C-alpha atoms as a PDB file:
ATOM      1  CA  PRO A   1      77.861 108.290 127.522  1.00  0.00           C
ATOM      2  CA  ALA A   2      79.780 111.217 128.627  1.00  0.00           C
ATOM      3  CA  LEU A   3      81.544 109.192 131.282  1.00  0.00           C
ATOM      4  CA  SER A   4      85.457 108.829 130.705  1.00  0.00           C
ATOM      5  CA  SER A   5      86.627 105.083 128.984  1.00  0.00           C
ATOM      6  CA  GLY A   6      89.397 105.438 132.034  1.00  0.00           C
ATOM      7  CA  GLU A   7      91.950 105.052 129.072  1.00  0.00           C
ATOM      8  CA  ASN A   8      94.763 107.386 129.087  1.00  0.00           C
ATOM      9  CA  PHE A   9      96.888 107.369 125.825  1.00  0.00           C
ATOM     10  CA  PRO A  10     100.257 109.743 125.918  1.00  0.00           C
ATOM     11  CA  LEU A  11      99.663 109.754 122.117  1.00  0.00           C
ATOM     12  CA  MET A  12      96.175 110.868 120.697  1.00  0.00           C
ATOM     13  CA  LYS A  13      97.339 110.211 117.051  1.00  0.00           C
ATOM     14  CA  ARG A  14     100.315 108.374 115.986  1.00  0.00           C
ATOM     15  CA  THR A  15     102.382 109.327 112.154  1.00  0.00           C
ATOM     16  CA  TYR A  16     105.424 107.069 110.896  1.00  0.00           C
ATOM     17  CA  PHE A  17     107.174 106.556 107.373  1.00  0.00           C
ATOM     18  CA  ASP A  18     106.653 103.236 105.519  1.00  0.00           C
ATOM     19  CA  VAL A  19     107.888 101.671 102.706  1.00  0.00           C
ATOM     20  CA  ASN A  20     106.256  98.941 100.710  1.00  0.00           C
ATOM     21  CA  THR A  21     107.749  97.544  97.587  1.00  0.00           C
ATOM     22  CA  GLY A  22     106.234  95.002  95.099  1.00  0.00           C
ATOM     23  CA  PHE A  23     105.502  93.170  91.079  1.00  0.00           C
ATOM     24  CA  VAL A  24     104.046  91.678  89.101  1.00  0.00           C
ATOM     25  CA  LEU A  25     104.797  89.349  85.850  1.00  0.00           C
ATOM     26  CA  GLN A  26     102.046  88.080  83.970  1.00  0.00           C
ATOM     27  CA  TYR A  27     103.235  85.521  81.027  1.00  0.00           C
ATOM     28  CA  GLN A  28     100.500  85.267  78.278  1.00  0.00           C
ATOM     29  CA  LEU A  29     100.321  81.418  77.271  1.00  0.00           C
ATOM     30  CA  LYS A  30      97.350  81.996  74.422  1.00  0.00           C
ATOM     31  CA  GLU A  31      94.904  84.956  73.636  1.00  0.00           C
ATOM     32  CA  ARG A  32      92.827  84.076  77.024  1.00  0.00           C
ATOM     33  CA  SER A  33      95.535  81.757  78.711  1.00  0.00           C
ATOM     34  CA  ALA A  34      98.028  83.565  81.031  1.00  0.00           C
ATOM     35  CA  LEU A  35     100.131  82.422  83.997  1.00  0.00           C
ATOM     36  CA  THR A  36     100.489  85.358  86.795  1.00  0.00           C
ATOM     37  CA  PHE A  37     102.789  85.678  89.481  1.00  0.00           C
ATOM     38  CA  GLY A  38     103.171  88.815  92.264  1.00  0.00           C
ATOM     39  CA  THR A  39     104.763  89.184  95.439  1.00  0.00           C
ATOM     40  CA  SER A  40     105.344  92.084  97.750  1.00  0.00           C
ATOM     41  CA  LEU A  41     106.775  93.205 100.551  1.00  0.00           C
ATOM     42  CA  ALA A  42     105.042  95.905 103.044  1.00  0.00           C
ATOM     43  CA  HIS A  43     106.424  97.566 106.458  1.00  0.00           C
ATOM     44  CA  LEU A  44     110.112  97.029 105.358  1.00  0.00           C
ATOM     45  CA  THR A  45     110.857  99.863 107.899  1.00  0.00           C
ATOM     46  CA  THR A  46     109.007  98.214 110.564  1.00  0.00           C
ATOM     47  CA  PRO A  47     107.629 101.438 111.992  1.00  0.00           C
ATOM     48  CA  LYS A  48     107.186 101.760 115.665  1.00  0.00           C
ATOM     49  CA  VAL A  49     102.737 102.038 116.056  1.00  0.00           C
ATOM     50  CA  SER A  50     102.552 102.127 119.822  1.00  0.00           C
ATOM     51  CA  TYR A  51     100.255 104.836 121.142  1.00  0.00           C
ATOM     52  CA  PHE A  52     102.407 104.748 124.793  1.00  0.00           C
ATOM     53  CA  LYS A  53     105.632 105.557 123.454  1.00  0.00           C
ATOM     54  CA  ASN A  54     106.940 101.510 123.436  1.00  0.00           C
ATOM     55  CA  LYS A  55     109.360 101.431 120.943  1.00  0.00           C
ATOM     56  CA  ASP A  56     109.049  97.297 121.147  1.00  0.00           C
ATOM     57  CA  ILE A  57     106.039  97.867 119.484  1.00  0.00           C
ATOM     58  CA  GLN A  58     106.727  97.558 115.406  1.00  0.00           C
ATOM     59  CA  LEU A  59     104.502  96.159 112.273  1.00  0.00           C
ATOM     60  CA  ASP A  60     106.296  93.513 111.236  1.00  0.00           C
ATOM     61  CA  THR A  61     107.448  93.124 107.912  1.00  0.00           C
ATOM     62  CA  LYS A  62     104.574  91.331 105.992  1.00  0.00           C
ATOM     63  CA  LEU A  63     105.103  89.315 102.262  1.00  0.00           C
ATOM     64  CA  ASN A  64     102.488  88.450  99.868  1.00  0.00           C
ATOM     65  CA  ILE A  65     103.119  85.814  97.704  1.00  0.00           C
ATOM     66  CA  TYR A  66     100.259  85.534  95.062  1.00  0.00           C
ATOM     67  CA  LEU A  67      99.890  82.755  91.772  1.00  0.00           C
ATOM     68  CA  SER A  68      97.586  82.664  89.555  1.00  0.00           C
ATOM     69  CA  TYR A  69      96.318  80.481  86.099  1.00  0.00           C
ATOM     70  CA  THR A  70      93.420  81.588  83.367  1.00  0.00           C
ATOM     71  CA  TYR A  71      92.432  79.043  80.612  1.00  0.00           C
ATOM     72  CA  PRO A  72      89.494  79.099  78.502  1.00  0.00           C
ATOM     73  CA  ILE A  73      86.911  76.149  79.151  1.00  0.00           C
ATOM     74  CA  ALA A  74      84.541  77.195  76.173  1.00  0.00           C
ATOM     75  CA  THR A  75      84.029  80.548  73.890  1.00  0.00           C
ATOM     76  CA  GLN A  76      82.811  82.605  76.393  1.00  0.00           C
ATOM     77  CA  LEU A  77      84.178  80.967  80.050  1.00  0.00           C
ATOM     78  CA  ASP A  78      87.158  81.298  81.725  1.00  0.00           C
ATOM     79  CA  LEU A  79      88.760  79.110  84.562  1.00  0.00           C
ATOM     80  CA  ILE A  80      90.491  81.118  86.504  1.00  0.00           C
ATOM     81  CA  THR A  81      92.731  79.347  89.710  1.00  0.00           C
ATOM     82  CA  GLU A  82      94.491  81.352  92.268  1.00  0.00           C
ATOM     83  CA  TYR A  83      96.697  80.868  95.513  1.00  0.00           C
ATOM     84  CA  LEU A  84      97.252  83.866  97.682  1.00  0.00           C
ATOM     85  CA  PHE A  85     100.158  83.286 100.787  1.00  0.00           C
ATOM     86  CA  GLU A  86     100.555  85.679 103.309  1.00  0.00           C
ATOM     87  CA  LYS A  87     102.999  86.078 106.369  1.00  0.00           C
ATOM     88  CA  GLN A  88     103.073  88.797 109.015  1.00  0.00           C
ATOM     89  CA  GLY A  89     105.957  88.244 111.919  1.00  0.00           C
ATOM     90  CA  LYS A  90     104.705  84.695 113.217  1.00  0.00           C
ATOM     91  CA  TYR A  91     100.955  84.883 111.612  1.00  0.00           C
ATOM     92  CA  LYS A  92     100.468  83.320 107.865  1.00  0.00           C
ATOM     93  CA  GLU A  93      97.070  83.252 105.720  1.00  0.00           C
ATOM     94  CA  ASN A  94      96.954  80.751 102.927  1.00  0.00           C
ATOM     95  CA  VAL A  95      93.986  81.239 100.023  1.00  0.00           C
ATOM     96  CA  VAL A  96      92.856  79.015  97.681  1.00  0.00           C
ATOM     97  CA  GLY A  97      90.305  78.831  94.895  1.00  0.00           C
ATOM     98  CA  ALA A  98      88.464  79.874  91.760  1.00  0.00           C
ATOM     99  CA  LYS A  99      86.361  80.965  89.895  1.00  0.00           C
ATOM    100  CA  VAL A 100      84.630  81.650  86.336  1.00  0.00           C
ATOM    101  CA  ALA A 101      84.115  84.984  84.517  1.00  0.00           C
ATOM    102  CA  PHE A 102      81.347  85.078  82.059  1.00  0.00           C
ATOM    103  CA  ILE A 103      82.772  87.017  78.594  1.00  0.00           C
ATOM    104  CA  PHE A 104      80.033  89.355  76.878  1.00  0.00           C
ATOM    105  CA  PRO A 105      80.306  89.095  73.373  1.00  0.00           C
ATOM    106  CA  GLY A 106      81.355  92.523  71.610  1.00  0.00           C
ATOM    107  CA  LYS A 107      84.961  94.565  71.352  1.00  0.00           C
ATOM    108  CA  GLU A 108      84.801  96.080  75.378  1.00  0.00           C
ATOM    109  CA  ARG A 109      85.988  93.550  77.917  1.00  0.00           C
ATOM    110  CA  GLN A 110      83.434  92.620  79.937  1.00  0.00           C
ATOM    111  CA  THR A 111      83.167  89.986  82.092  1.00  0.00           C
ATOM    112  CA  ILE A 112      81.143  88.850  85.747  1.00  0.00           C
ATOM    113  CA  SER A 113      82.701  86.251  87.420  1.00  0.00           C
ATOM    114  CA  ALA A 114      81.748  84.270  90.568  1.00  0.00           C
ATOM    115  CA  GLY A 115      84.039  81.947  92.769  1.00  0.00           C
ATOM    116  CA  MET A 116      84.735  80.025  95.823  1.00  0.00           C
ATOM    117  CA  TYR A 117      88.017  80.113  98.026  1.00  0.00           C
ATOM    118  CA  LEU A 118      89.192  78.713 101.392  1.00  0.00           C
ATOM    119  CA  ARG A 119      91.186  80.416 103.794  1.00  0.00           C
ATOM    120  CA  THR A 120      93.256  77.398 105.100  1.00  0.00           C
ATOM    121  CA  LYS A 121      92.125  76.614 108.477  1.00  0.00           C
ATOM    122  CA  ASP A 122      89.511  79.186 108.858  1.00  0.00           C
ATOM    123  CA  ALA A 123      86.247  80.320 106.626  1.00  0.00           C
ATOM    124  CA  PRO A 124      85.163  79.652 102.882  1.00  0.00           C
ATOM    125  CA  VAL A 125      84.832  82.795 101.003  1.00  0.00           C
ATOM    126  CA  PHE A 126      82.445  83.634  98.151  1.00  0.00           C
ATOM    127  CA  ARG A 127      83.501  86.044  95.300  1.00  0.00           C
ATOM    128  CA  VAL A 128      80.995  87.675  92.369  1.00  0.00           C
ATOM    129  CA  GLY A 129      82.676  90.297  90.540  1.00  0.00           C
ATOM    130  CA  TYR A 130      81.919  92.444  87.487  1.00  0.00           C
ATOM    131  CA  ASP A 131      85.148  93.527  85.070  1.00  0.00           C
ATOM    132  CA  TYR A 132      84.532  95.999  82.301  1.00  0.00           C
ATOM    133  CA  LYS A 133      87.720  97.653  80.294  1.00  0.00           C
ATOM    134  CA  GLN A 134      90.158  98.870  82.940  1.00  0.00           C
ATOM    135  CA  TRP A 135      87.856  98.657  86.043  1.00  0.00           C
ATOM    136  CA  GLN A 136      87.404  95.578  88.609  1.00  0.00           C
ATOM    137  CA  LEU A 137      84.137  95.642  91.134  1.00  0.00           C
ATOM    138  CA  GLY A 138      84.023  93.041  92.916  1.00  0.00           C
ATOM    139  CA  MET A 139      82.224  91.375  96.188  1.00  0.00           C
ATOM    140  CA  SER A 140      83.255  88.554  98.834  1.00  0.00           C
ATOM    141  CA  TYR A 141      81.699  86.729 101.797  1.00  0.00           C
ATOM    142  CA  ASP A 142      83.509  84.483 104.160  1.00  0.00           C
ATOM    143  CA  LEU A 143      81.840  82.012 106.780  1.00  0.00           C
ATOM    144  CA  ASN A 144      84.322  81.693 109.144  1.00  0.00           C
ATOM    145  CA  THR A 145      84.752  78.046 110.439  1.00  0.00           C
ATOM    146  CA  SER A 146      87.458  78.169 112.947  1.00  0.00           C
ATOM    147  CA  ALA A 147      87.434  78.794 116.813  1.00  0.00           C
ATOM    148  CA  PHE A 148      86.984  81.843 116.323  1.00  0.00           C
ATOM    149  CA  LYS A 149      83.446  80.897 115.375  1.00  0.00           C
ATOM    150  CA  ALA A 150      83.037  81.647 119.425  1.00  0.00           C
ATOM    151  CA  ALA A 151      83.470  85.365 118.790  1.00  0.00           C
ATOM    152  CA  THR A 152      81.647  85.403 115.053  1.00  0.00           C
ATOM    153  CA  ASN A 153      78.746  83.005 115.882  1.00  0.00           C
ATOM    154  CA  ARG A 154      80.313  81.748 111.818  1.00  0.00           C
ATOM    155  CA  ARG A 155      79.121  84.940 110.671  1.00  0.00           C
ATOM    156  CA  GLY A 156      81.797  86.318 108.468  1.00  0.00           C
ATOM    157  CA  ALA A 157      82.440  89.776 106.480  1.00  0.00           C
ATOM    158  CA  ILE A 158      81.241  90.952 103.805  1.00  0.00           C
ATOM    159  CA  GLU A 159      83.932  93.152 101.591  1.00  0.00           C
ATOM    160  CA  PHE A 160      83.788  95.122  98.347  1.00  0.00           C
ATOM    161  CA  GLY A 161      86.730  96.159  96.229  1.00  0.00           C
ATOM    162  CA  LEU A 162      86.411  98.402  93.628  1.00  0.00           C
ATOM    163  CA  ILE A 163      90.215  98.710  91.304  1.00  0.00           C
ATOM    164  CA  TYR A 164      90.771 100.146  88.183  1.00  0.00           C
ATOM    165  CA  ILE A 165      93.848  99.382  86.175  1.00  0.00           C
ATOM    166  CA  PHE A 166      96.696 101.329  84.837  1.00  0.00           C
ATOM    167  CA  LYS A 167      97.667 100.056  81.608  1.00  0.00           C
ATOM    168  CA  LYS A 168      98.297  99.879  77.600  1.00  0.00           C
ATOM    169  CA  ASP A 169      96.247  97.422  75.833  1.00  0.00           C
ATOM    170  CA  LYS A 170      98.231  95.722  73.539  1.00  0.00           C
ATOM    171  CA  PRO A 171      97.362  93.098  70.862  1.00  0.00           C
ATOM    172  CA  PHE A 172      98.404  89.636  71.093  1.00  0.00           C
ATOM    173  CA  ILE A 173     100.845  88.246  69.011  1.00  0.00           C
ATOM    174  CA  PRO A 174     101.502  84.652  69.534  1.00  0.00           C
ATOM    175  CA  LYS A 175     105.112  83.866  69.264  1.00  0.00           C
ATOM    176  CA  LYS A 176     107.146  81.167  66.751  1.00  0.00           C
END
């Protein structure tokens, strides 16, 4: 373990300035029905990231586009369909799917959800989640089915997420 790896890097750490931007628009159709659109651009400064002082190695700008439609299918059940498109340099990714959310009765906004998604040409993704007020806790697992399966033996990755949404709830007022 004490032997050198044989790799010599002129730089042992790298710091760079980066700029990202994005926005989300949501149109509330009814009390539990909404259409959401979001987009973002990352790495607008295309920072240089090489440890070898190679100025040609940089982070390409990344584009994200997100669409979602929420529709109540029963008194305490919502269907949420989602689409995500990502492009960075020559690489693209499409993720499409849906989940069902069970809304607990009561004053506090509280749901549990489960769904299935497809990362096209790569993997099915299974998701579960729990929402309480502005907190969202989620877990996803993907099963790799692309040519990369030789490296993964079809085992996927498990991911956890914790989100807090800063917002002020406003009562729904239907437009006439």
